[in-house]
Every structure is written in structure tokens, then in C-alpha cells.
Amino acid sequence: MDNSQSQSRQGTSQLDATLNALQGGLASAAGVAGPTISGWIKTLQGTPQLAGITAELQSLHDTLRSGASDTGALAQSLSTLGEHTTKAAETATPDAQAKLRELGQALSSAAGQLRA
């Protein structure tokens, strides 16, 4: 197995884990948010076309680590990530497209929950 296949499998595994965490709602996702976000930042670093997602993930990570409970900022960050993720699905590999669309929708939905 070459390196790109290994990275693809790792990315798919990360997608599955992130989707599973978000399916339980924000409360269940909160417990794994830090390590999950850090993992995504590490995975996406060095990929210029995904720099917007990486920067927004870093911003979200910093906000969560600060302990501040600015739900407006968190909602905006999740909304932006949802939009970027859905857009990234357009150019993703066929096996990742549906999962990225689902993740984008889940992030946008989580943003809506925070705004409610």
C-alpha cells in the first residue's frame, strides 16, 4: 500500500469518527472535540486548497481551549466549517464525497443548535 492509499484510509477513518461524534449531538461531541480538531489540523496541514478549513479549525480549537463560552463565535466557526467542508466535497475522491457532504451538513446543523 502506498502513502496516498494510507492517507486516504486515515482520512476516511477520521471522517467516520467525526461523524459518529457529531451524530450524538454537541454534548457528546464536546468530550472528543479537542483531540478530533487537533487530528484534523495535523491531517490537513500542508494542503493549500484546504488552508481555509485548517485556519478555521485552528480558530475553533483556540476558542475551545480558552474556556470562553462565546456560543456566537462557536456557532459562526461551525457554520464556516460546514460551508468549507461541503465545498471541499466537490473535489474530493469519490469515496469521501458523500461523507464530506454529511459532515458539512452536521457542522452546519451543530451551528444552528448553538444559535437556537
PDB file of N, CA and C in Angstrom:
ATOM      1  N   MET A   1       0.858  -1.175   0.000  1.00  0.00           N
ATOM      2  CA  MET A   1       0.000   0.000   0.000  1.00  0.00           C
ATOM      3  C   MET A   1       0.903   1.237   0.000  1.00  0.00           C
ATOM      4  N   ASP A   2       0.621   2.165  -0.932  1.00  0.00           N
ATOM      5  CA  ASP A   2       1.449   3.368  -0.984  1.00  0.00           C
ATOM      6  C   ASP A   2       0.944   4.409   0.004  1.00  0.00           C
ATOM      7  N   ASN A   3       1.705   5.488   0.124  1.00  0.00           N
ATOM      8  CA  ASN A   3       1.417   6.511   1.117  1.00  0.00           C
ATOM      9  C   ASN A   3       0.078   7.192   0.882  1.00  0.00           C
ATOM     10  N   SER A   4      -0.296   7.436  -0.381  1.00  0.00           N
ATOM     11  CA  SER A   4      -1.575   8.105  -0.655  1.00  0.00           C
ATOM     12  C   SER A   4      -2.750   7.215  -0.267  1.00  0.00           C
ATOM     13  N   GLN A   5      -2.629   5.908  -0.441  1.00  0.00           N
ATOM     14  CA  GLN A   5      -3.694   4.998  -0.008  1.00  0.00           C
ATOM     15  C   GLN A   5      -3.807   5.001   1.507  1.00  0.00           C
ATOM     16  N   SER A   6      -2.670   5.022   2.179  1.00  0.00           N
ATOM     17  CA  SER A   6      -2.666   5.061   3.632  1.00  0.00           C
ATOM     18  C   SER A   6      -3.298   6.349   4.146  1.00  0.00           C
ATOM     19  N   GLN A   7      -2.958   7.478   3.534  1.00  0.00           N
ATOM     20  CA  GLN A   7      -3.537   8.756   3.927  1.00  0.00           C
ATOM     21  C   GLN A   7      -5.033   8.776   3.657  1.00  0.00           C
ATOM     22  N   SER A   8      -5.451   8.192   2.542  1.00  0.00           N
ATOM     23  CA  SER A   8      -6.872   8.142   2.209  1.00  0.00           C
ATOM     24  C   SER A   8      -7.643   7.330   3.244  1.00  0.00           C
ATOM     25  N   ARG A   9      -7.081   6.189   3.647  1.00  0.00           N
ATOM     26  CA  ARG A   9      -7.738   5.364   4.664  1.00  0.00           C
ATOM     27  C   ARG A   9      -7.794   6.085   6.000  1.00  0.00           C
ATOM     28  N   GLN A  10      -6.722   6.792   6.352  1.00  0.00           N
ATOM     29  CA  GLN A  10      -6.694   7.544   7.605  1.00  0.00           C
ATOM     30  C   GLN A  10      -7.745   8.644   7.562  1.00  0.00           C
ATOM     31  N   GLY A  11      -7.840   9.349   6.435  1.00  0.00           N
ATOM     32  CA  GLY A  11      -8.828  10.407   6.291  1.00  0.00           C
ATOM     33  C   GLY A  11     -10.244   9.872   6.393  1.00  0.00           C
ATOM     34  N   THR A  12     -10.500   8.726   5.768  1.00  0.00           N
ATOM     35  CA  THR A  12     -11.825   8.113   5.837  1.00  0.00           C
ATOM     36  C   THR A  12     -12.145   7.703   7.262  1.00  0.00           C
ATOM     37  N   SER A  13     -11.154   7.177   7.962  1.00  0.00           N
ATOM     38  CA  SER A  13     -11.350   6.792   9.355  1.00  0.00           C
ATOM     39  C   SER A  13     -11.649   8.025  10.211  1.00  0.00           C
ATOM     40  N   GLN A  14     -10.945   9.125   9.954  1.00  0.00           N
ATOM     41  CA  GLN A  14     -11.202  10.369  10.684  1.00  0.00           C
ATOM     42  C   GLN A  14     -12.594  10.896  10.386  1.00  0.00           C
ATOM     43  N   LEU A  15     -13.009  10.805   9.132  1.00  0.00           N
ATOM     44  CA  LEU A  15     -14.355  11.247   8.768  1.00  0.00           C
ATOM     45  C   LEU A  15     -15.401  10.450   9.534  1.00  0.00           C
ATOM     46  N   ASP A  16     -15.226   9.133   9.558  1.00  0.00           N
ATOM     47  CA  ASP A  16     -16.180   8.278  10.271  1.00  0.00           C
ATOM     48  C   ASP A  16     -16.239   8.633  11.757  1.00  0.00           C
ATOM     49  N   ALA A  17     -15.084   8.821  12.380  1.00  0.00           N
ATOM     50  CA  ALA A  17     -15.035   9.136  13.813  1.00  0.00           C
ATOM     51  C   ALA A  17     -15.687  10.491  14.095  1.00  0.00           C
ATOM     52  N   THR A  18     -15.432  11.463  13.227  1.00  0.00           N
ATOM     53  CA  THR A  18     -16.012  12.795  13.423  1.00  0.00           C
ATOM     54  C   THR A  18     -17.522  12.758  13.249  1.00  0.00           C
ATOM     55  N   LEU A  19     -17.980  12.062  12.225  1.00  0.00           N
ATOM     56  CA  LEU A  19     -19.425  11.937  12.005  1.00  0.00           C
ATOM     57  C   LEU A  19     -20.097  11.236  13.181  1.00  0.00           C
ATOM     58  N   ASN A  20     -19.482  10.173  13.676  1.00  0.00           N
ATOM     59  CA  ASN A  20     -20.052   9.462  14.822  1.00  0.00           C
ATOM     60  C   ASN A  20     -20.152  10.373  16.039  1.00  0.00           C
ATOM     61  N   ALA A  21     -19.128  11.180  16.267  1.00  0.00           N
ATOM     62  CA  ALA A  21     -19.145  12.088  17.419  1.00  0.00           C
ATOM     63  C   ALA A  21     -20.258  13.121  17.276  1.00  0.00           C
ATOM     64  N   LEU A  22     -20.431  13.662  16.077  1.00  0.00           N
ATOM     65  CA  LEU A  22     -21.447  14.694  15.871  1.00  0.00           C
ATOM     66  C   LEU A  22     -22.871  14.139  15.865  1.00  0.00           C
ATOM     67  N   GLN A  23     -23.025  12.876  15.514  1.00  0.00           N
ATOM     68  CA  GLN A  23     -24.367  12.284  15.485  1.00  0.00           C
ATOM     69  C   GLN A  23     -24.976  12.213  16.873  1.00  0.00           C
ATOM     70  N   GLY A  24     -24.148  12.180  17.886  1.00  0.00           N
ATOM     71  CA  GLY A  24     -24.651  12.138  19.253  1.00  0.00           C
ATOM     72  C   GLY A  24     -25.022  13.513  19.781  1.00  0.00           C
ATOM     73  N   GLY A  25     -24.879  14.533  18.955  1.00  0.00           N
ATOM     74  CA  GLY A  25     -25.184  15.891  19.381  1.00  0.00           C
ATOM     75  C   GLY A  25     -23.953  16.591  19.918  1.00  0.00           C
ATOM     76  N   LEU A  26     -24.117  17.877  20.164  1.00  0.00           N
ATOM     77  CA  LEU A  26     -22.986  18.686  20.612  1.00  0.00           C
ATOM     78  C   LEU A  26     -22.445  18.251  21.958  1.00  0.00           C
ATOM     79  N   ALA A  27     -23.314  17.833  22.854  1.00  0.00           N
ATOM     80  CA  ALA A  27     -22.863  17.446  24.191  1.00  0.00           C
ATOM     81  C   ALA A  27     -21.905  16.262  24.121  1.00  0.00           C
ATOM     82  N   SER A  28     -22.228  15.272  23.304  1.00  0.00           N
ATOM     83  CA  SER A  28     -21.344  14.110  23.214  1.00  0.00           C
ATOM     84  C   SER A  28     -20.093  14.430  22.408  1.00  0.00           C
ATOM     85  N   ALA A  29     -20.178  15.342  21.456  1.00  0.00           N
ATOM     86  CA  ALA A  29     -19.017  15.703  20.651  1.00  0.00           C
ATOM     87  C   ALA A  29     -18.011  16.529  21.445  1.00  0.00           C
ATOM     88  N   ALA A  30     -18.499  17.250  22.446  1.00  0.00           N
ATOM     89  CA  ALA A  30     -17.630  18.139  23.216  1.00  0.00           C
ATOM     90  C   ALA A  30     -16.473  17.391  23.868  1.00  0.00           C
ATOM     91  N   GLY A  31     -16.728  16.191  24.333  1.00  0.00           N
ATOM     92  CA  GLY A  31     -15.693  15.429  25.023  1.00  0.00           C
ATOM     93  C   GLY A  31     -14.526  15.027  24.142  1.00  0.00           C
ATOM     94  N   VAL A  32     -14.761  14.896  22.857  1.00  0.00           N
ATOM     95  CA  VAL A  32     -13.701  14.486  21.939  1.00  0.00           C
ATOM     96  C   VAL A  32     -13.292  15.611  20.992  1.00  0.00           C
ATOM     97  N   ALA A  33     -13.851  16.795  21.188  1.00  0.00           N
ATOM     98  CA  ALA A  33     -13.610  17.903  20.268  1.00  0.00           C
ATOM     99  C   ALA A  33     -12.135  18.257  20.155  1.00  0.00           C
ATOM    100  N   GLY A  34     -11.450  18.427  21.276  1.00  0.00           N
ATOM    101  CA  GLY A  34     -10.046  18.837  21.246  1.00  0.00           C
ATOM    102  C   GLY A  34      -9.167  17.898  20.439  1.00  0.00           C
ATOM    103  N   PRO A  35      -9.139  16.609  20.800  1.00  0.00           N
ATOM    104  CA  PRO A  35      -8.300  15.678  20.052  1.00  0.00           C
ATOM    105  C   PRO A  35      -8.739  15.526  18.586  1.00  0.00           C
ATOM    106  N   THR A  36     -10.045  15.572  18.342  1.00  0.00           N
ATOM    107  CA  THR A  36     -10.541  15.436  16.971  1.00  0.00           C
ATOM    108  C   THR A  36     -10.094  16.619  16.126  1.00  0.00           C
ATOM    109  N   ILE A  37     -10.253  17.819  16.658  1.00  0.00           N
ATOM    110  CA  ILE A  37      -9.857  19.018  15.921  1.00  0.00           C
ATOM    111  C   ILE A  37      -8.350  19.019  15.694  1.00  0.00           C
ATOM    112  N   SER A  38      -7.577  18.678  16.708  1.00  0.00           N
ATOM    113  CA  SER A  38      -6.121  18.617  16.565  1.00  0.00           C
ATOM    114  C   SER A  38      -5.717  17.617  15.481  1.00  0.00           C
ATOM    115  N   GLY A  39      -6.396  16.488  15.461  1.00  0.00           N
ATOM    116  CA  GLY A  39      -6.109  15.474  14.452  1.00  0.00           C
ATOM    117  C   GLY A  39      -6.386  15.973  13.044  1.00  0.00           C
ATOM    118  N   TRP A  40      -7.487  16.699  12.885  1.00  0.00           N
ATOM    119  CA  TRP A  40      -7.814  17.254  11.568  1.00  0.00           C
ATOM    120  C   TRP A  40      -6.814  18.319  11.152  1.00  0.00           C
ATOM    121  N   ILE A  41      -6.395  19.162  12.092  1.00  0.00           N
ATOM    122  CA  ILE A  41      -5.409  20.194  11.770  1.00  0.00           C
ATOM    123  C   ILE A  41      -4.129  19.529  11.260  1.00  0.00           C
ATOM    124  N   LYS A  42      -3.693  18.499  11.958  1.00  0.00           N
ATOM    125  CA  LYS A  42      -2.473  17.782  11.563  1.00  0.00           C
ATOM    126  C   LYS A  42      -2.640  17.137  10.183  1.00  0.00           C
ATOM    127  N   THR A  43      -3.787  16.536   9.941  1.00  0.00           N
ATOM    128  CA  THR A  43      -4.034  15.871   8.667  1.00  0.00           C
ATOM    129  C   THR A  43      -4.060  16.854   7.509  1.00  0.00           C
ATOM    130  N   LEU A  44      -4.668  18.016   7.722  1.00  0.00           N
ATOM    131  CA  LEU A  44      -4.880  18.958   6.627  1.00  0.00           C
ATOM    132  C   LEU A  44      -3.723  19.930   6.407  1.00  0.00           C
ATOM    133  N   GLN A  45      -2.833  20.068   7.380  1.00  0.00           N
ATOM    134  CA  GLN A  45      -1.706  20.993   7.225  1.00  0.00           C
ATOM    135  C   GLN A  45      -0.903  20.625   5.991  1.00  0.00           C
ATOM    136  N   GLY A  46      -0.485  21.639   5.269  1.00  0.00           N
ATOM    137  CA  GLY A  46       0.318  21.410   4.076  1.00  0.00           C
ATOM    138  C   GLY A  46      -0.503  21.150   2.832  1.00  0.00           C
ATOM    139  N   THR A  47      -1.825  21.262   2.933  1.00  0.00           N
ATOM    140  CA  THR A  47      -2.694  21.096   1.775  1.00  0.00           C
ATOM    141  C   THR A  47      -3.271  22.471   1.451  1.00  0.00           C
ATOM    142  N   PRO A  48      -2.639  23.183   0.505  1.00  0.00           N
ATOM    143  CA  PRO A  48      -3.020  24.573   0.239  1.00  0.00           C
ATOM    144  C   PRO A  48      -4.503  24.781  -0.067  1.00  0.00           C
ATOM    145  N   GLN A  49      -5.115  23.864  -0.802  1.00  0.00           N
ATOM    146  CA  GLN A  49      -6.521  24.049  -1.160  1.00  0.00           C
ATOM    147  C   GLN A  49      -7.457  23.900   0.035  1.00  0.00           C
ATOM    148  N   LEU A  50      -6.952  23.399   1.150  1.00  0.00           N
ATOM    149  CA  LEU A  50      -7.762  23.244   2.358  1.00  0.00           C
ATOM    150  C   LEU A  50      -7.293  24.176   3.477  1.00  0.00           C
ATOM    151  N   ALA A  51      -6.522  25.190   3.122  1.00  0.00           N
ATOM    152  CA  ALA A  51      -5.974  26.113   4.111  1.00  0.00           C
ATOM    153  C   ALA A  51      -7.074  26.842   4.881  1.00  0.00           C
ATOM    154  N   GLY A  52      -8.199  27.152   4.227  1.00  0.00           N
ATOM    155  CA  GLY A  52      -9.304  27.824   4.906  1.00  0.00           C
ATOM    156  C   GLY A  52      -9.896  26.955   6.002  1.00  0.00           C
ATOM    157  N   ILE A  53     -10.031  25.675   5.720  1.00  0.00           N
ATOM    158  CA  ILE A  53     -10.553  24.741   6.721  1.00  0.00           C
ATOM    159  C   ILE A  53      -9.563  24.625   7.877  1.00  0.00           C
ATOM    160  N   THR A  54      -8.290  24.493   7.546  1.00  0.00           N
ATOM    161  CA  THR A  54      -7.267  24.362   8.582  1.00  0.00           C
ATOM    162  C   THR A  54      -7.256  25.585   9.492  1.00  0.00           C
ATOM    163  N   ALA A  55      -7.321  26.780   8.902  1.00  0.00           N
ATOM    164  CA  ALA A  55      -7.319  28.013   9.701  1.00  0.00           C
ATOM    165  C   ALA A  55      -8.554  28.099  10.587  1.00  0.00           C
ATOM    166  N   GLU A  56      -9.710  27.715  10.064  1.00  0.00           N
ATOM    167  CA  GLU A  56     -10.937  27.770  10.864  1.00  0.00           C
ATOM    168  C   GLU A  56     -10.915  26.733  11.975  1.00  0.00           C
ATOM    169  N   LEU A  57     -10.352  25.562  11.692  1.00  0.00           N
ATOM    170  CA  LEU A  57     -10.202  24.549  12.738  1.00  0.00           C
ATOM    171  C   LEU A  57      -9.296  25.055  13.855  1.00  0.00           C
ATOM    172  N   GLN A  58      -8.226  25.739  13.489  1.00  0.00           N
ATOM    173  CA  GLN A  58      -7.314  26.281  14.496  1.00  0.00           C
ATOM    174  C   GLN A  58      -8.029  27.331  15.345  1.00  0.00           C
ATOM    175  N   SER A  59      -8.820  28.162  14.695  1.00  0.00           N
ATOM    176  CA  SER A  59      -9.588  29.178  15.422  1.00  0.00           C
ATOM    177  C   SER A  59     -10.578  28.527  16.384  1.00  0.00           C
ATOM    178  N   LEU A  60     -11.279  27.507  15.922  1.00  0.00           N
ATOM    179  CA  LEU A  60     -12.228  26.786  16.771  1.00  0.00           C
ATOM    180  C   LEU A  60     -11.493  26.137  17.945  1.00  0.00           C
ATOM    181  N   HIS A  61     -10.379  25.515  17.655  1.00  0.00           N
ATOM    182  CA  HIS A  61      -9.582  24.858  18.696  1.00  0.00           C
ATOM    183  C   HIS A  61      -9.139  25.871  19.747  1.00  0.00           C
ATOM    184  N   ASP A  62      -8.655  27.030  19.301  1.00  0.00           N
ATOM    185  CA  ASP A  62      -8.208  28.071  20.228  1.00  0.00           C
ATOM    186  C   ASP A  62      -9.369  28.584  21.085  1.00  0.00           C
ATOM    187  N   THR A  63     -10.528  28.760  20.465  1.00  0.00           N
ATOM    188  CA  THR A  63     -11.711  29.228  21.198  1.00  0.00           C
ATOM    189  C   THR A  63     -12.106  28.217  22.276  1.00  0.00           C
ATOM    190  N   LEU A  64     -12.118  26.948  21.908  1.00  0.00           N
ATOM    191  CA  LEU A  64     -12.494  25.913  22.872  1.00  0.00           C
ATOM    192  C   LEU A  64     -11.473  25.811  24.004  1.00  0.00           C
ATOM    193  N   ARG A  65     -10.202  25.930  23.689  1.00  0.00           N
ATOM    194  CA  ARG A  65      -9.150  25.827  24.713  1.00  0.00           C
ATOM    195  C   ARG A  65      -9.165  27.009  25.663  1.00  0.00           C
ATOM    196  N   SER A  66      -9.646  28.144  25.200  1.00  0.00           N
ATOM    197  CA  SER A  66      -9.647  29.340  26.050  1.00  0.00           C
ATOM    198  C   SER A  66     -10.653  29.229  27.185  1.00  0.00           C
ATOM    199  N   GLY A  67     -11.603  28.304  27.040  1.00  0.00           N
ATOM    200  CA  GLY A  67     -12.617  28.125  28.067  1.00  0.00           C
ATOM    201  C   GLY A  67     -13.748  29.136  27.970  1.00  0.00           C
ATOM    202  N   ALA A  68     -13.639  30.045  27.023  1.00  0.00           N
ATOM    203  CA  ALA A  68     -14.697  31.037  26.832  1.00  0.00           C
ATOM    204  C   ALA A  68     -15.938  30.342  26.289  1.00  0.00           C
ATOM    205  N   SER A  69     -17.072  30.819  26.703  1.00  0.00           N
ATOM    206  CA  SER A  69     -18.308  30.187  26.240  1.00  0.00           C
ATOM    207  C   SER A  69     -19.063  31.134  25.298  1.00  0.00           C
ATOM    208  N   ASP A  70     -18.360  31.653  24.327  1.00  0.00           N
ATOM    209  CA  ASP A  70     -18.957  32.539  23.337  1.00  0.00           C
ATOM    210  C   ASP A  70     -19.650  31.677  22.291  1.00  0.00           C
ATOM    211  N   THR A  71     -20.912  31.359  22.542  1.00  0.00           N
ATOM    212  CA  THR A  71     -21.625  30.461  21.637  1.00  0.00           C
ATOM    213  C   THR A  71     -21.787  31.071  20.249  1.00  0.00           C
ATOM    214  N   GLY A  72     -21.845  32.392  20.160  1.00  0.00           N
ATOM    215  CA  GLY A  72     -21.937  33.038  18.854  1.00  0.00           C
ATOM    216  C   GLY A  72     -20.709  32.766  18.008  1.00  0.00           C
ATOM    217  N   ALA A  73     -19.537  32.881  18.621  1.00  0.00           N
ATOM    218  CA  ALA A  73     -18.282  32.624  17.904  1.00  0.00           C
ATOM    219  C   ALA A  73     -18.168  31.145  17.533  1.00  0.00           C
ATOM    220  N   LEU A  74     -18.567  30.272  18.449  1.00  0.00           N
ATOM    221  CA  LEU A  74     -18.534  28.835  18.151  1.00  0.00           C
ATOM    222  C   LEU A  74     -19.494  28.499  17.020  1.00  0.00           C
ATOM    223  N   ALA A  75     -20.687  29.059  17.060  1.00  0.00           N
ATOM    224  CA  ALA A  75     -21.673  28.802  16.012  1.00  0.00           C
ATOM    225  C   ALA A  75     -21.163  29.290  14.660  1.00  0.00           C
ATOM    226  N   GLN A  76     -20.554  30.467  14.641  1.00  0.00           N
ATOM    227  CA  GLN A  76     -20.027  31.001  13.381  1.00  0.00           C
ATOM    228  C   GLN A  76     -18.912  30.118  12.843  1.00  0.00           C
ATOM    229  N   SER A  77     -18.042  29.661  13.727  1.00  0.00           N
ATOM    230  CA  SER A  77     -16.943  28.803  13.319  1.00  0.00           C
ATOM    231  C   SER A  77     -17.464  27.479  12.760  1.00  0.00           C
ATOM    232  N   LEU A  78     -18.426  26.874  13.439  1.00  0.00           N
ATOM    233  CA  LEU A  78     -19.009  25.617  12.955  1.00  0.00           C
ATOM    234  C   LEU A  78     -19.717  25.820  11.619  1.00  0.00           C
ATOM    235  N   SER A  79     -20.401  26.946  11.474  1.00  0.00           N
ATOM    236  CA  SER A  79     -21.088  27.256  10.225  1.00  0.00           C
ATOM    237  C   SER A  79     -20.093  27.400   9.076  1.00  0.00           C
ATOM    238  N   THR A  80     -19.012  28.129   9.327  1.00  0.00           N
ATOM    239  CA  THR A  80     -17.970  28.311   8.309  1.00  0.00           C
ATOM    240  C   THR A  80     -17.345  26.975   7.939  1.00  0.00           C
ATOM    241  N   LEU A  81     -17.058  26.155   8.943  1.00  0.00           N
ATOM    242  CA  LEU A  81     -16.502  24.827   8.667  1.00  0.00           C
ATOM    243  C   LEU A  81     -17.473  23.975   7.853  1.00  0.00           C
ATOM    244  N   GLY A  82     -18.752  24.076   8.164  1.00  0.00           N
ATOM    245  CA  GLY A  82     -19.758  23.339   7.400  1.00  0.00           C
ATOM    246  C   GLY A  82     -19.753  23.738   5.935  1.00  0.00           C
ATOM    247  N   GLU A  83     -19.695  25.046   5.694  1.00  0.00           N
ATOM    248  CA  GLU A  83     -19.672  25.545   4.311  1.00  0.00           C
ATOM    249  C   GLU A  83     -18.412  25.086   3.586  1.00  0.00           C
ATOM    250  N   HIS A  84     -17.253  25.246   4.225  1.00  0.00           N
ATOM    251  CA  HIS A  84     -15.986  24.849   3.600  1.00  0.00           C
ATOM    252  C   HIS A  84     -15.933  23.341   3.336  1.00  0.00           C
ATOM    253  N   THR A  85     -16.443  22.573   4.281  1.00  0.00           N
ATOM    254  CA  THR A  85     -16.414  21.115   4.139  1.00  0.00           C
ATOM    255  C   THR A  85     -17.315  20.668   2.996  1.00  0.00           C
ATOM    256  N   THR A  86     -18.498  21.257   2.903  1.00  0.00           N
ATOM    257  CA  THR A  86     -19.406  20.920   1.810  1.00  0.00           C
ATOM    258  C   THR A  86     -18.775  21.274   0.468  1.00  0.00           C
ATOM    259  N   LYS A  87     -18.117  22.417   0.406  1.00  0.00           N
ATOM    260  CA  LYS A  87     -17.443  22.833  -0.826  1.00  0.00           C
ATOM    261  C   LYS A  87     -16.282  21.889  -1.158  1.00  0.00           C
ATOM    262  N   ALA A  88     -15.546  21.449  -0.148  1.00  0.00           N
ATOM    263  CA  ALA A  88     -14.422  20.533  -0.365  1.00  0.00           C
ATOM    264  C   ALA A  88     -14.898  19.193  -0.925  1.00  0.00           C
ATOM    265  N   ALA A  89     -16.129  18.816  -0.628  1.00  0.00           N
ATOM    266  CA  ALA A  89     -16.673  17.549  -1.127  1.00  0.00           C
ATOM    267  C   ALA A  89     -16.709  17.523  -2.652  1.00  0.00           C
ATOM    268  N   GLU A  90     -16.859  18.690  -3.266  1.00  0.00           N
ATOM    269  CA  GLU A  90     -16.947  18.765  -4.725  1.00  0.00           C
ATOM    270  C   GLU A  90     -15.692  18.238  -5.410  1.00  0.00           C
ATOM    271  N   THR A  91     -14.538  18.398  -4.777  1.00  0.00           N
ATOM    272  CA  THR A  91     -13.277  17.986  -5.404  1.00  0.00           C
ATOM    273  C   THR A  91     -12.631  16.797  -4.702  1.00  0.00           C
ATOM    274  N   ALA A  92     -13.339  16.198  -3.771  1.00  0.00           N
ATOM    275  CA  ALA A  92     -12.798  15.059  -3.021  1.00  0.00           C
ATOM    276  C   ALA A  92     -12.866  13.784  -3.855  1.00  0.00           C
ATOM    277  N   THR A  93     -12.195  12.766  -3.359  1.00  0.00           N
ATOM    278  CA  THR A  93     -12.264  11.467  -4.009  1.00  0.00           C
ATOM    279  C   THR A  93     -13.691  10.936  -3.907  1.00  0.00           C
ATOM    280  N   PRO A  94     -14.113  10.132  -4.861  1.00  0.00           N
ATOM    281  CA  PRO A  94     -15.499   9.642  -4.848  1.00  0.00           C
ATOM    282  C   PRO A  94     -15.911   8.964  -3.543  1.00  0.00           C
ATOM    283  N   ASP A  95     -14.997   8.224  -2.914  1.00  0.00           N
ATOM    284  CA  ASP A  95     -15.350   7.528  -1.671  1.00  0.00           C
ATOM    285  C   ASP A  95     -15.529   8.483  -0.492  1.00  0.00           C
ATOM    286  N   ALA A  96     -15.009   9.702  -0.587  1.00  0.00           N
ATOM    287  CA  ALA A  96     -15.118  10.657   0.513  1.00  0.00           C
ATOM    288  C   ALA A  96     -16.206  11.700   0.301  1.00  0.00           C
ATOM    289  N   GLN A  97     -16.693  11.858  -0.910  1.00  0.00           N
ATOM    290  CA  GLN A  97     -17.637  12.931  -1.210  1.00  0.00           C
ATOM    291  C   GLN A  97     -18.890  12.900  -0.349  1.00  0.00           C
ATOM    292  N   ALA A  98     -19.547  11.768  -0.272  1.00  0.00           N
ATOM    293  CA  ALA A  98     -20.800  11.681   0.493  1.00  0.00           C
ATOM    294  C   ALA A  98     -20.545  11.948   1.978  1.00  0.00           C
ATOM    295  N   LYS A  99     -19.444  11.420   2.500  1.00  0.00           N
ATOM    296  CA  LYS A  99     -19.135  11.622   3.913  1.00  0.00           C
ATOM    297  C   LYS A  99     -18.813  13.085   4.199  1.00  0.00           C
ATOM    298  N   LEU A 100     -18.114  13.742   3.276  1.00  0.00           N
ATOM    299  CA  LEU A 100     -17.806  15.159   3.470  1.00  0.00           C
ATOM    300  C   LEU A 100     -19.072  16.004   3.413  1.00  0.00           C
ATOM    301  N   ARG A 101     -19.974  15.668   2.510  1.00  0.00           N
ATOM    302  CA  ARG A 101     -21.258  16.393   2.463  1.00  0.00           C
ATOM    303  C   ARG A 101     -22.026  16.199   3.777  1.00  0.00           C
ATOM    304  N   GLU A 102     -22.026  14.961   4.267  1.00  0.00           N
ATOM    305  CA  GLU A 102     -22.715  14.657   5.526  1.00  0.00           C
ATOM    306  C   GLU A 102     -22.068  15.420   6.686  1.00  0.00           C
ATOM    307  N   LEU A 103     -20.732  15.466   6.697  1.00  0.00           N
ATOM    308  CA  LEU A 103     -20.028  16.189   7.743  1.00  0.00           C
ATOM    309  C   LEU A 103     -20.326  17.684   7.647  1.00  0.00           C
ATOM    310  N   GLY A 104     -20.326  18.229   6.446  1.00  0.00           N
ATOM    311  CA  GLY A 104     -20.653  19.642   6.266  1.00  0.00           C
ATOM    312  C   GLY A 104     -22.043  19.958   6.792  1.00  0.00           C
ATOM    313  N   GLN A 105     -22.979  19.082   6.511  1.00  0.00           N
ATOM    314  CA  GLN A 105     -24.353  19.270   6.992  1.00  0.00           C
ATOM    315  C   GLN A 105     -24.410  19.155   8.520  1.00  0.00           C
ATOM    316  N   ALA A 106     -23.675  18.207   9.081  1.00  0.00           N
ATOM    317  CA  ALA A 106     -23.678  18.022  10.537  1.00  0.00           C
ATOM    318  C   ALA A 106     -23.060  19.243  11.244  1.00  0.00           C
ATOM    319  N   LEU A 107     -22.013  19.813  10.658  1.00  0.00           N
ATOM    320  CA  LEU A 107     -21.399  21.007  11.239  1.00  0.00           C
ATOM    321  C   LEU A 107     -22.349  22.200  11.166  1.00  0.00           C
ATOM    322  N   SER A 108     -23.008  22.347  10.036  1.00  0.00           N
ATOM    323  CA  SER A 108     -23.978  23.438   9.889  1.00  0.00           C
ATOM    324  C   SER A 108     -25.147  23.260  10.864  1.00  0.00           C
ATOM    325  N   SER A 109     -25.585  22.025  11.045  1.00  0.00           N
ATOM    326  CA  SER A 109     -26.666  21.733  11.980  1.00  0.00           C
ATOM    327  C   SER A 109     -26.235  22.047  13.419  1.00  0.00           C
ATOM    328  N   ALA A 110     -24.994  21.686  13.759  1.00  0.00           N
ATOM    329  CA  ALA A 110     -24.479  21.985  15.097  1.00  0.00           C
ATOM    330  C   ALA A 110     -24.430  23.495  15.328  1.00  0.00           C
ATOM    331  N   ALA A 111     -24.062  24.239  14.295  1.00  0.00           N
ATOM    332  CA  ALA A 111     -24.061  25.702  14.405  1.00  0.00           C
ATOM    333  C   ALA A 111     -25.472  26.209  14.680  1.00  0.00           C
ATOM    334  N   GLY A 112     -26.445  25.634  14.003  1.00  0.00           N
ATOM    335  CA  GLY A 112     -27.842  26.021  14.221  1.00  0.00           C
ATOM    336  C   GLY A 112     -28.307  25.709  15.627  1.00  0.00           C
ATOM    337  N   GLN A 113     -27.868  24.591  16.188  1.00  0.00           N
ATOM    338  CA  GLN A 113     -28.223  24.229  17.554  1.00  0.00           C
ATOM    339  C   GLN A 113     -27.682  25.244  18.550  1.00  0.00           C
ATOM    340  N   LEU A 114     -26.483  25.743  18.291  1.00  0.00           N
ATOM    341  CA  LEU A 114     -25.885  26.731  19.197  1.00  0.00           C
ATOM    342  C   LEU A 114     -26.612  28.074  19.103  1.00  0.00           C
ATOM    343  N   ARG A 115     -27.127  28.371  17.950  1.00  0.00           N
ATOM    344  CA  ARG A 115     -27.817  29.648  17.760  1.00  0.00           C
ATOM    345  C   ARG A 115     -29.229  29.636  18.320  1.00  0.00           C
ATOM    346  N   ALA A 116     -29.779  28.425  18.488  1.00  0.00           N
ATOM    347  CA  ALA A 116     -31.173  28.302  18.944  1.00  0.00           C
ATOM    348  C   ALA A 116     -31.344  28.697  20.387  1.00  0.00           C
TER     349      ALA A 116
END
